[in-house]
């Protein structure tokens, strides 16, 4: 008998996938310091909370389906749309995966050298090493669900504890160490008022990218003790953890860095510098920074593994030979889609290397990969909101023990609102390149090529099906 996943374990698995202390750093950098607080509150209150609770209702309504978003779309919009949803959901993870090995190496660099010297390497050298790390993670992903749950839960717990400790230790530092002096900041409305310029609107995608991904745990909903109750509970727990870390973390950043020049290295090194400063406040030197660096490196690795496995399950668990070639659905002894993992390794591997040929410095690579993710990754959320819109439109057809909202029109409004905001954020972020043609071309080509590949796959599937003379579903 398989061991069931507890609701809190799933919440931590989701947290390690959705959240990282780096999201606080990104918000602080892209929205110019404390001006990030109001955008965070806006996104969390009017986007993330409805989004997480919509996922809860979808997970409850379709708790017996194993394909996640693909299954939701199939039930609400048909099999063809389910294929496109599953493909989109899977393929836009490729830029996300390409980011994680680089982040893990930067963490290792801070743990070993206790400074940001890796940022002085050539971009190509770092990305080649990142490719090796990614290949190792691919091999680990083939070990299956048991290993996946353990490493993801441990990493989620570690990062959550470190994120909360940062906030608590910042607040308590003056009382414990009378010699601590923080930067003077202005607590007036002017310091927190959002900057309604082009930069703010172009970077909405950064926050949406930061809070997305809770639905990728949905394949495990039917592995819980009571899916209808425990899955929504996990999503609500996730929302609370994200809110605490985002808002209070930004304020802590403001106390620490107010008046300091925040340059391009901040997105790569800001988190480690933050923990170094906290350690100095408490007289322990670099100790906290090293602990965080090690935890973050392990967390990045676990996210790679989880993000290889779960999206493939969403694409292939309820696949159709009319759209998915049979060879893609082959599993190994651990139940992992081995050929799907191979395709993932090839596509994500190319995305790790290609930017290094047009962006020469490491800090530029880190920032660009974040920007590219903000363009591509939120595209998958569109299918969640579309499925929820259709669920509420035809609410009489479906039974759900948990409901985000009971009103049909109100539910359709929330689904439509989140869909429109996500689409706008992705499209406008494409042009946020500071005039760099190489980046603009990659921003345009990457999402169109990745999503467009899904148009070719049914043709390949048709040829495969004809060759085998099969009319059955996988």
Protein backbone atom coordinates (compact mmCIF):
# COMPACT_ATOMS: atom_id res chain seq x y z
CA UNK A 1 0.00 0.00 0.00
CA UNK A 2 1.38 3.39 -1.02
CA UNK A 3 1.93 5.93 1.71
CA UNK A 4 -0.45 8.87 1.44
CA UNK A 5 0.77 12.47 1.20
CA UNK A 6 -0.26 14.68 4.13
CA UNK A 7 -1.71 18.12 3.38
CA UNK A 8 1.16 19.93 5.09
CA UNK A 9 3.73 17.89 3.16
CA UNK A 10 2.06 18.90 -0.10
CA UNK A 11 2.00 22.54 1.06
CA UNK A 12 5.76 22.47 1.67
CA UNK A 13 6.33 20.69 -1.65
CA UNK A 14 4.37 23.48 -3.32
CA UNK A 15 6.23 26.14 -1.36
CA UNK A 16 9.62 24.83 -2.47
CA UNK A 17 8.31 24.90 -6.04
CA UNK A 18 6.48 28.23 -5.97
CA UNK A 19 8.53 30.30 -3.57
CA UNK A 20 12.08 31.22 -2.76
CA UNK A 21 13.73 34.04 -0.92
CA UNK A 22 14.92 35.18 -4.33
CA UNK A 23 11.37 36.32 -5.09
CA UNK A 24 11.71 38.96 -2.37
CA UNK A 25 15.00 40.03 -3.94
CA UNK A 26 13.46 40.21 -7.42
CA UNK A 27 10.50 42.24 -6.23
CA UNK A 28 12.76 44.66 -4.38
CA UNK A 29 15.03 45.05 -7.43
CA UNK A 30 12.46 45.30 -10.22
CA UNK A 31 10.07 47.60 -8.33
CA UNK A 32 12.70 49.90 -6.84
CA UNK A 33 12.81 48.99 -3.18
CA UNK A 34 9.86 49.59 -0.87
CA UNK A 35 7.72 50.56 -3.84
CA UNK A 36 7.33 46.77 -4.27
CA UNK A 37 5.14 46.41 -1.16
CA UNK A 38 1.90 47.67 -2.73
CA UNK A 39 2.36 45.65 -5.97
CA UNK A 40 2.96 42.55 -3.82
CA UNK A 41 -0.23 43.19 -1.85
CA UNK A 42 -2.13 43.76 -5.10
CA UNK A 43 -0.87 40.55 -6.70
CA UNK A 44 -1.34 38.43 -3.57
CA UNK A 45 -4.82 39.72 -2.75
CA UNK A 46 -6.35 40.11 -6.20
CA UNK A 47 -4.47 37.43 -8.12
CA UNK A 48 -2.68 34.77 -6.08
CA UNK A 49 -5.36 34.06 -3.48
CA UNK A 50 -8.13 33.66 -6.10
CA UNK A 51 -5.72 31.65 -8.23
CA UNK A 52 -4.79 29.23 -5.42
CA UNK A 53 -8.42 28.77 -4.39
CA UNK A 54 -9.50 28.20 -8.00
CA UNK A 55 -6.92 25.43 -8.13
CA UNK A 56 -8.43 24.04 -4.93
CA UNK A 57 -11.90 23.92 -6.46
CA UNK A 58 -10.62 22.38 -9.69
CA UNK A 59 -8.66 19.79 -7.72
CA UNK A 60 -11.74 18.97 -5.67
CA UNK A 61 -14.08 18.79 -8.67
CA UNK A 62 -11.76 16.47 -10.60
CA UNK A 63 -10.07 14.66 -7.72
CA UNK A 64 -10.21 11.28 -9.48
CA UNK A 65 -8.27 12.48 -12.52
CA UNK A 66 -4.49 12.08 -12.58
CA UNK A 67 -3.47 14.52 -15.31
CA UNK A 68 -3.82 17.81 -13.48
CA UNK A 69 -4.43 20.86 -15.67
CA UNK A 70 -4.69 18.71 -18.80
CA UNK A 71 -7.48 16.66 -17.23
CA UNK A 72 -9.29 19.79 -16.05
CA UNK A 73 -9.23 21.25 -19.56
CA UNK A 74 -10.32 17.95 -21.11
CA UNK A 75 -13.34 17.74 -18.83
CA UNK A 76 -14.34 21.37 -19.44
CA UNK A 77 -13.23 22.05 -23.04
CA UNK A 78 -12.52 18.75 -24.77
CA UNK A 79 -9.60 16.48 -25.60
CA UNK A 80 -7.93 18.60 -28.29
CA UNK A 81 -7.77 21.64 -26.03
CA UNK A 82 -6.49 19.39 -23.25
CA UNK A 83 -3.55 18.40 -25.41
CA UNK A 84 -2.67 22.03 -26.14
CA UNK A 85 -3.00 22.84 -22.45
CA UNK A 86 -0.79 19.95 -21.41
CA UNK A 87 1.79 20.80 -24.03
CA UNK A 88 1.86 24.49 -23.10
CA UNK A 89 2.11 23.66 -19.43
CA UNK A 90 5.01 21.31 -20.02
CA UNK A 91 7.01 23.22 -22.61
CA UNK A 92 7.05 26.62 -20.86
CA UNK A 93 8.83 24.91 -17.96
CA UNK A 94 11.93 24.66 -20.13
CA UNK A 95 13.17 28.23 -19.45
CA UNK A 96 12.32 27.68 -15.77
CA UNK A 97 14.45 24.55 -15.65
CA UNK A 98 17.29 26.33 -17.46
CA UNK A 99 17.42 28.93 -14.67
CA UNK A 100 17.80 26.57 -11.74
CA UNK A 101 21.26 25.02 -12.31
CA UNK A 102 22.81 28.49 -12.60
CA UNK A 103 21.12 29.54 -9.37
CA UNK A 104 22.37 26.39 -7.64
CA UNK A 105 25.95 27.08 -8.73
CA UNK A 106 25.81 30.66 -7.49
CA UNK A 107 24.63 29.28 -4.14
CA UNK A 108 27.52 26.82 -4.04
CA UNK A 109 29.91 29.67 -4.88
CA UNK A 110 28.72 31.74 -1.94
CA UNK A 111 28.91 28.71 0.37
CA UNK A 112 32.46 27.83 -0.67
CA UNK A 113 34.08 31.20 -1.42
CA UNK A 114 31.81 33.33 0.80
CA UNK A 115 31.55 36.01 -1.86
CA UNK A 116 30.09 36.61 -5.33
CA UNK A 117 33.22 35.85 -7.33
CA UNK A 118 31.30 33.47 -9.60
CA UNK A 119 29.71 36.62 -11.00
CA UNK A 120 33.12 37.47 -12.45
CA UNK A 121 33.27 34.29 -14.53
CA UNK A 122 32.48 34.30 -18.23
CA UNK A 123 28.84 33.54 -18.91
CA UNK A 124 29.72 30.61 -21.17
CA UNK A 125 31.92 28.93 -18.54
CA UNK A 126 29.20 29.13 -15.90
CA UNK A 127 26.48 27.90 -18.25
CA UNK A 128 28.53 24.90 -19.35
CA UNK A 129 28.95 23.93 -15.71
CA UNK A 130 25.23 24.55 -15.17
CA UNK A 131 24.50 22.12 -18.00
CA UNK A 132 26.42 19.42 -16.13
CA UNK A 133 24.41 20.08 -12.97
CA UNK A 134 21.18 19.86 -14.95
CA UNK A 135 22.13 16.50 -16.45
CA UNK A 136 22.81 15.17 -12.95
CA UNK A 137 19.37 16.38 -11.82
CA UNK A 138 17.76 14.65 -14.79
CA UNK A 139 19.31 11.36 -13.72
CA UNK A 140 18.01 11.85 -10.17
CA UNK A 141 14.51 12.56 -11.47
CA UNK A 142 14.40 9.06 -12.95
CA UNK A 143 14.35 7.65 -9.40
CA UNK A 144 10.62 8.31 -9.08
CA UNK A 145 8.05 9.71 -6.62
CA UNK A 146 9.43 8.36 -3.33
CA UNK A 147 12.74 10.18 -3.68
CA UNK A 148 10.97 13.21 -5.14
CA UNK A 149 8.70 13.67 -2.12
CA UNK A 150 11.52 13.44 0.40
CA UNK A 151 13.89 15.93 -1.21
CA UNK A 152 11.13 18.42 -2.11
CA UNK A 153 9.58 18.40 1.35
CA UNK A 154 12.98 18.82 3.03
CA UNK A 155 13.98 21.67 0.73
CA UNK A 156 10.65 23.44 1.16
CA UNK A 157 10.95 23.23 4.92
CA UNK A 158 14.52 24.56 4.91
CA UNK A 159 13.79 27.54 2.66
CA UNK A 160 10.62 28.43 4.54
CA UNK A 161 12.46 28.37 7.88
CA UNK A 162 15.31 30.49 6.52
CA UNK A 163 12.89 33.02 4.99
CA UNK A 164 10.97 33.38 8.25
CA UNK A 165 14.18 33.51 10.29
CA UNK A 166 15.44 36.37 8.14
CA UNK A 167 12.34 38.44 8.93
CA UNK A 168 12.32 37.58 12.66
CA UNK A 169 16.03 38.12 13.13
CA UNK A 170 15.89 41.47 11.34
CA UNK A 171 13.09 42.61 13.65
CA UNK A 172 14.85 41.41 16.81
CA UNK A 173 18.39 42.54 15.97
CA UNK A 174 18.26 46.01 17.62
CA UNK A 175 16.91 44.56 20.87
CA UNK A 176 19.50 41.77 21.04
CA UNK A 177 22.48 43.76 19.81
CA UNK A 178 22.39 47.39 20.86
CA UNK A 179 25.21 48.18 18.44
CA UNK A 180 23.06 47.42 15.40
CA UNK A 181 22.08 50.43 13.36
CA UNK A 182 19.76 50.09 10.40
CA UNK A 183 19.49 52.42 7.45
CA UNK A 184 17.10 55.28 8.03
CA UNK A 185 14.07 54.93 5.80
CA UNK A 186 11.11 57.17 5.19
CA UNK A 187 7.91 55.45 6.36
CA UNK A 188 5.69 57.97 4.58
CA UNK A 189 3.31 57.04 1.78
CA UNK A 190 5.78 58.44 -0.76
CA UNK A 191 8.23 55.64 0.03
CA UNK A 192 5.63 52.92 -0.60
CA UNK A 193 3.51 54.50 -3.33
CA UNK A 194 3.73 52.44 -6.53
CA UNK A 195 5.60 54.05 -9.40
CA UNK A 196 3.06 54.09 -12.22
CA UNK A 197 5.59 54.17 -15.04
CA UNK A 198 6.41 51.80 -17.88
CA UNK A 199 8.80 49.87 -15.62
CA UNK A 200 6.05 48.96 -13.16
CA UNK A 201 3.60 47.73 -15.78
CA UNK A 202 6.26 45.77 -17.68
CA UNK A 203 7.34 44.02 -14.50
CA UNK A 204 3.93 42.79 -13.32
CA UNK A 205 4.94 39.51 -14.95
CA UNK A 206 7.82 39.22 -12.45
CA UNK A 207 5.35 39.02 -9.55
CA UNK A 208 2.96 36.72 -11.41
CA UNK A 209 5.87 34.44 -12.24
CA UNK A 210 6.93 34.51 -8.58
CA UNK A 211 3.58 33.35 -7.17
CA UNK A 212 2.59 30.83 -9.82
CA UNK A 213 2.91 27.08 -9.91
CA UNK A 214 0.72 25.69 -7.14
CA UNK A 215 -1.29 23.70 -9.68
CA UNK A 216 1.73 21.61 -10.67
CA UNK A 217 1.18 19.58 -7.50
CA UNK A 218 -2.31 18.62 -8.64
CA UNK A 219 -1.24 15.19 -10.01
CA UNK A 220 -0.73 14.21 -6.38
CA UNK A 221 -4.20 15.26 -5.26
CA UNK A 222 -5.54 11.71 -5.45
CA UNK A 223 -2.58 10.49 -3.39
CA UNK A 224 -3.87 12.40 -0.34
CA UNK A 225 -5.98 11.00 2.50
CA UNK A 226 -9.00 13.21 1.75
CA UNK A 227 -8.41 15.03 -1.57
CA UNK A 228 -11.55 17.17 -1.47
CA UNK A 229 -10.59 18.72 1.87
CA UNK A 230 -6.81 18.32 2.10
CA UNK A 231 -5.86 19.77 -1.30
CA UNK A 232 -7.62 23.14 -0.77
CA UNK A 233 -6.17 23.20 2.76
CA UNK A 234 -2.69 22.80 1.26
CA UNK A 235 -3.26 25.68 -1.16
CA UNK A 236 -4.51 27.99 1.59
CA UNK A 237 -1.48 27.11 3.70
CA UNK A 238 0.72 27.90 0.72
CA UNK A 239 -0.94 31.31 0.25
CA UNK A 240 -0.33 32.25 3.89
CA UNK A 241 3.36 31.31 3.70
CA UNK A 242 3.86 33.29 0.49
CA UNK A 243 2.12 36.39 1.86
CA UNK A 244 4.23 36.44 5.03
CA UNK A 245 7.50 36.05 3.15
CA UNK A 246 6.71 38.54 0.37
CA UNK A 247 5.43 41.55 2.30
CA UNK A 248 7.48 41.30 5.48
CA UNK A 249 10.56 40.27 3.51
CA UNK A 250 10.32 43.38 1.34
CA UNK A 251 10.04 45.62 4.39
CA UNK A 252 13.07 43.90 5.91
CA UNK A 253 14.97 44.54 2.68
CA UNK A 254 14.06 48.20 2.92
CA UNK A 255 15.37 48.45 6.46
CA UNK A 256 18.62 46.79 5.42
CA UNK A 257 19.34 48.40 2.04
CA UNK A 258 17.59 51.79 2.07
CA UNK A 259 19.88 54.41 0.58
CA UNK A 260 22.14 51.82 -1.06
CA UNK A 261 22.61 51.65 -4.82
CA UNK A 262 20.96 48.47 -6.10
CA UNK A 263 22.77 47.40 -9.28
CA UNK A 264 22.47 44.45 -11.66
CA UNK A 265 24.34 42.08 -9.35
CA UNK A 266 21.56 42.35 -6.76
CA UNK A 267 19.32 39.75 -8.44
CA UNK A 268 22.13 37.18 -8.25
CA UNK A 269 23.81 38.09 -4.98
CA UNK A 270 21.28 40.10 -2.97
CA UNK A 271 19.91 37.18 -0.95
CA UNK A 272 23.36 36.06 0.17
CA UNK A 273 24.43 39.60 1.03
CA UNK A 274 21.23 39.95 3.08
CA UNK A 275 21.99 36.90 5.21
CA UNK A 276 25.60 37.99 5.56
CA UNK A 277 24.43 41.29 7.04
CA UNK A 278 22.01 39.57 9.41
CA UNK A 279 24.87 37.37 10.58
CA UNK A 280 27.00 40.44 11.21
CA UNK A 281 24.19 41.97 13.28
CA UNK A 282 24.29 38.89 15.54
CA UNK A 283 28.06 38.55 15.62
CA UNK A 284 28.21 35.22 13.76
CA UNK A 285 29.89 36.52 10.62
CA UNK A 286 29.14 34.58 7.43
CA UNK A 287 27.53 31.59 9.16
CA UNK A 288 23.91 32.40 8.29
CA UNK A 289 24.86 33.26 4.73
CA UNK A 290 26.63 29.92 4.28
CA UNK A 291 23.66 28.00 5.74
CA UNK A 292 21.29 29.81 3.40
CA UNK A 293 23.58 29.23 0.42
CA UNK A 294 23.68 25.48 1.08
CA UNK A 295 19.91 25.27 1.64
CA UNK A 296 19.21 27.28 -1.50
CA UNK A 297 21.51 25.13 -3.63
CA UNK A 298 19.72 21.98 -2.44
CA UNK A 299 16.33 23.63 -2.97
CA UNK A 300 17.19 24.60 -6.55
CA UNK A 301 18.15 21.00 -7.27
CA UNK A 302 14.90 19.69 -5.79
CA UNK A 303 12.87 22.15 -7.87
CA UNK A 304 14.58 20.88 -11.02
CA UNK A 305 13.63 17.31 -10.15
CA UNK A 306 10.04 18.16 -9.26
CA UNK A 307 9.59 20.35 -12.34
CA UNK A 308 10.78 17.56 -14.61
CA UNK A 309 8.39 14.97 -13.18
CA UNK A 310 5.11 16.76 -12.43
CA UNK A 311 4.59 18.60 -15.76
CA UNK A 312 5.26 15.37 -17.66
CA UNK A 313 2.57 13.63 -15.63
CA UNK A 314 0.13 16.40 -16.50
CA UNK A 315 0.93 16.00 -20.19
CA UNK A 316 1.09 12.22 -20.42
CA UNK A 317 -1.01 10.63 -17.65
CA UNK A 318 -4.18 10.83 -19.75
CA UNK A 319 -2.52 11.15 -23.16
CA UNK A 320 -4.16 10.32 -26.48
CA UNK A 321 -2.34 8.61 -29.37
CA UNK A 322 -3.98 11.10 -31.71
CA UNK A 323 -1.78 13.83 -30.22
CA UNK A 324 1.05 12.16 -28.28
CA UNK A 325 3.44 9.67 -29.96
CA UNK A 326 3.50 6.30 -28.23
CA UNK A 327 7.25 6.41 -27.56
CA UNK A 328 6.82 9.48 -25.35
CA UNK A 329 4.62 7.50 -22.94
CA UNK A 330 7.14 4.75 -22.19
CA UNK A 331 7.94 4.45 -18.47
CA UNK A 332 10.87 3.06 -16.53
CA UNK A 333 10.59 0.73 -13.52
CA UNK A 334 9.90 3.72 -11.23
CA UNK A 335 6.94 4.85 -13.31
CA UNK A 336 8.78 7.87 -14.77
CA UNK A 337 8.26 8.80 -18.42
CA UNK A 338 11.84 8.15 -19.52
CA UNK A 339 11.61 9.48 -23.09
CA UNK A 340 9.73 12.54 -21.91
CA UNK A 341 12.56 13.24 -19.49
CA UNK A 342 15.03 12.88 -22.38
CA UNK A 343 13.19 15.46 -24.49
CA UNK A 344 13.08 17.76 -21.47
CA UNK A 345 16.84 17.43 -21.05
CA UNK A 346 17.50 18.36 -24.69
CA UNK A 347 15.22 21.42 -24.85
CA UNK A 348 16.17 22.85 -21.44
CA UNK A 349 19.84 22.13 -22.13
CA UNK A 350 19.74 24.28 -25.25
CA UNK A 351 18.11 27.10 -23.30
CA UNK A 352 20.90 26.93 -20.73
CA UNK A 353 23.59 27.44 -23.39
CA UNK A 354 22.11 29.74 -26.07
CA UNK A 355 21.84 32.99 -24.02
CA UNK A 356 25.54 32.76 -23.15
CA UNK A 357 26.45 33.47 -26.78
CA UNK A 358 24.79 36.90 -26.72
CA UNK A 359 25.11 37.95 -23.08
CA UNK A 360 28.68 38.10 -21.86
CA UNK A 361 28.43 38.55 -18.08
CA UNK A 362 26.97 36.29 -15.42
CA UNK A 363 24.79 38.94 -13.80
CA UNK A 364 23.31 39.77 -17.19
CA UNK A 365 22.57 36.06 -17.76
CA UNK A 366 20.84 35.74 -14.39
CA UNK A 367 18.66 38.80 -14.98
CA UNK A 368 17.81 37.82 -18.54
CA UNK A 369 16.77 34.28 -17.61
CA UNK A 370 14.47 35.74 -14.96
CA UNK A 371 12.98 38.08 -17.58
CA UNK A 372 12.52 35.23 -20.08
CA UNK A 373 10.79 33.13 -17.43
CA UNK A 374 8.44 36.02 -16.71
CA UNK A 375 7.49 35.99 -20.40
CA UNK A 376 7.03 32.23 -20.78
CA UNK A 377 6.08 30.60 -17.49
CA UNK A 378 2.83 32.45 -16.76
CA UNK A 379 1.42 31.30 -20.13
CA UNK A 380 0.54 27.99 -18.48
CA UNK A 381 -1.68 29.69 -15.93
CA UNK A 382 -3.98 30.78 -18.76
CA UNK A 383 -5.27 27.21 -19.03
CA UNK A 384 -6.01 27.04 -15.31
CA UNK A 385 -8.14 30.17 -15.53
CA UNK A 386 -9.81 29.03 -18.75
CA UNK A 387 -10.70 25.69 -17.14
CA UNK A 388 -12.09 27.43 -14.07
CA UNK A 389 -14.11 29.81 -16.24
CA UNK A 390 -15.70 26.85 -18.02
CA UNK A 391 -16.18 24.96 -14.75
CA UNK A 392 -18.28 27.83 -13.39
CA UNK A 393 -20.05 28.44 -16.70
CA UNK A 394 -21.32 24.85 -16.68
CA UNK A 395 -21.33 24.45 -12.91
CA UNK A 396 -24.43 22.27 -12.99
CA UNK A 397 -22.45 19.47 -14.64
CA UNK A 398 -19.81 19.15 -11.93
CA UNK A 399 -19.77 18.26 -8.24
CA UNK A 400 -17.19 19.71 -5.87
CA UNK A 401 -17.03 19.39 -2.09
CA UNK A 402 -14.96 22.58 -1.98
CA UNK A 403 -15.94 25.78 -3.81
CA UNK A 404 -13.95 29.00 -4.04
CA UNK A 405 -17.13 30.96 -4.82
CA UNK A 406 -20.63 29.57 -5.25
CA UNK A 407 -21.97 32.18 -7.64
CA UNK A 408 -21.67 31.27 -11.33
CA UNK A 409 -21.11 34.80 -12.64
CA UNK A 410 -18.71 35.72 -9.84
CA UNK A 411 -16.64 32.62 -10.54
CA UNK A 412 -16.55 33.42 -14.26
CA UNK A 413 -15.45 36.97 -13.40
CA UNK A 414 -12.52 35.78 -11.30
CA UNK A 415 -11.45 33.32 -13.99
CA UNK A 416 -11.66 35.99 -16.69
CA UNK A 417 -9.88 38.60 -14.57
CA UNK A 418 -6.89 36.37 -13.82
CA UNK A 419 -6.72 35.23 -17.46
CA UNK A 420 -6.66 38.80 -18.80
CA UNK A 421 -4.07 40.04 -16.31
CA UNK A 422 -1.77 37.09 -17.01
CA UNK A 423 -1.95 37.49 -20.80
CA UNK A 424 -1.28 41.23 -20.58
CA UNK A 425 1.70 40.74 -18.27
CA UNK A 426 3.35 38.15 -20.54
CA UNK A 427 2.91 40.15 -23.75
CA UNK A 428 4.19 43.46 -22.40
CA UNK A 429 7.21 41.82 -20.73
CA UNK A 430 8.49 40.70 -24.15
CA UNK A 431 9.53 44.27 -24.92
CA UNK A 432 11.35 44.93 -21.63
CA UNK A 433 14.87 44.51 -23.06
CA UNK A 434 16.45 47.98 -22.73
CA UNK A 435 16.88 48.10 -26.49
CA UNK A 436 18.93 44.87 -26.70
CA UNK A 437 18.02 43.22 -30.03
CA UNK A 438 19.45 39.81 -29.06
CA UNK A 439 17.24 39.66 -25.99
CA UNK A 440 14.19 40.92 -27.90
CA UNK A 441 14.61 38.25 -30.58
CA UNK A 442 14.96 35.53 -27.93
CA UNK A 443 11.93 36.88 -26.06
CA UNK A 444 9.83 36.67 -29.22
CA UNK A 445 11.14 33.40 -30.65
CA UNK A 446 11.35 31.33 -27.46
CA UNK A 447 7.65 31.28 -26.49
CA UNK A 448 6.46 30.99 -30.10
CA UNK A 449 8.83 28.14 -30.94
CA UNK A 450 8.19 26.26 -27.70
CA UNK A 451 4.41 26.51 -27.92
CA UNK A 452 4.47 26.04 -31.71
CA UNK A 453 6.23 22.69 -31.35
CA UNK A 454 2.93 21.42 -30.01
CA UNK A 455 1.38 21.91 -33.44
CA UNK A 456 3.84 19.43 -34.95
CA UNK A 457 3.45 16.70 -32.36
CA UNK A 458 -0.03 15.53 -33.47
CA UNK A 459 1.35 15.01 -36.99
CA UNK A 460 4.13 12.82 -35.58
CA UNK A 461 1.59 10.99 -33.43
CA UNK A 462 -0.59 10.32 -36.47
CA UNK A 463 2.36 8.80 -38.33
CA UNK A 464 3.25 6.66 -35.32
CA UNK A 465 -0.34 5.52 -34.87
CA UNK A 466 -0.63 4.56 -38.55
CA UNK A 467 2.64 2.63 -38.39
CA UNK A 468 1.44 0.57 -35.43
CA UNK A 469 -2.09 0.23 -36.76
CA UNK A 470 -3.50 1.33 -33.42
CA UNK A 471 -6.78 3.05 -32.67
CA UNK A 472 -6.47 2.75 -28.89
CA UNK A 473 -5.70 5.35 -26.32
CA UNK A 474 -2.65 5.24 -24.16
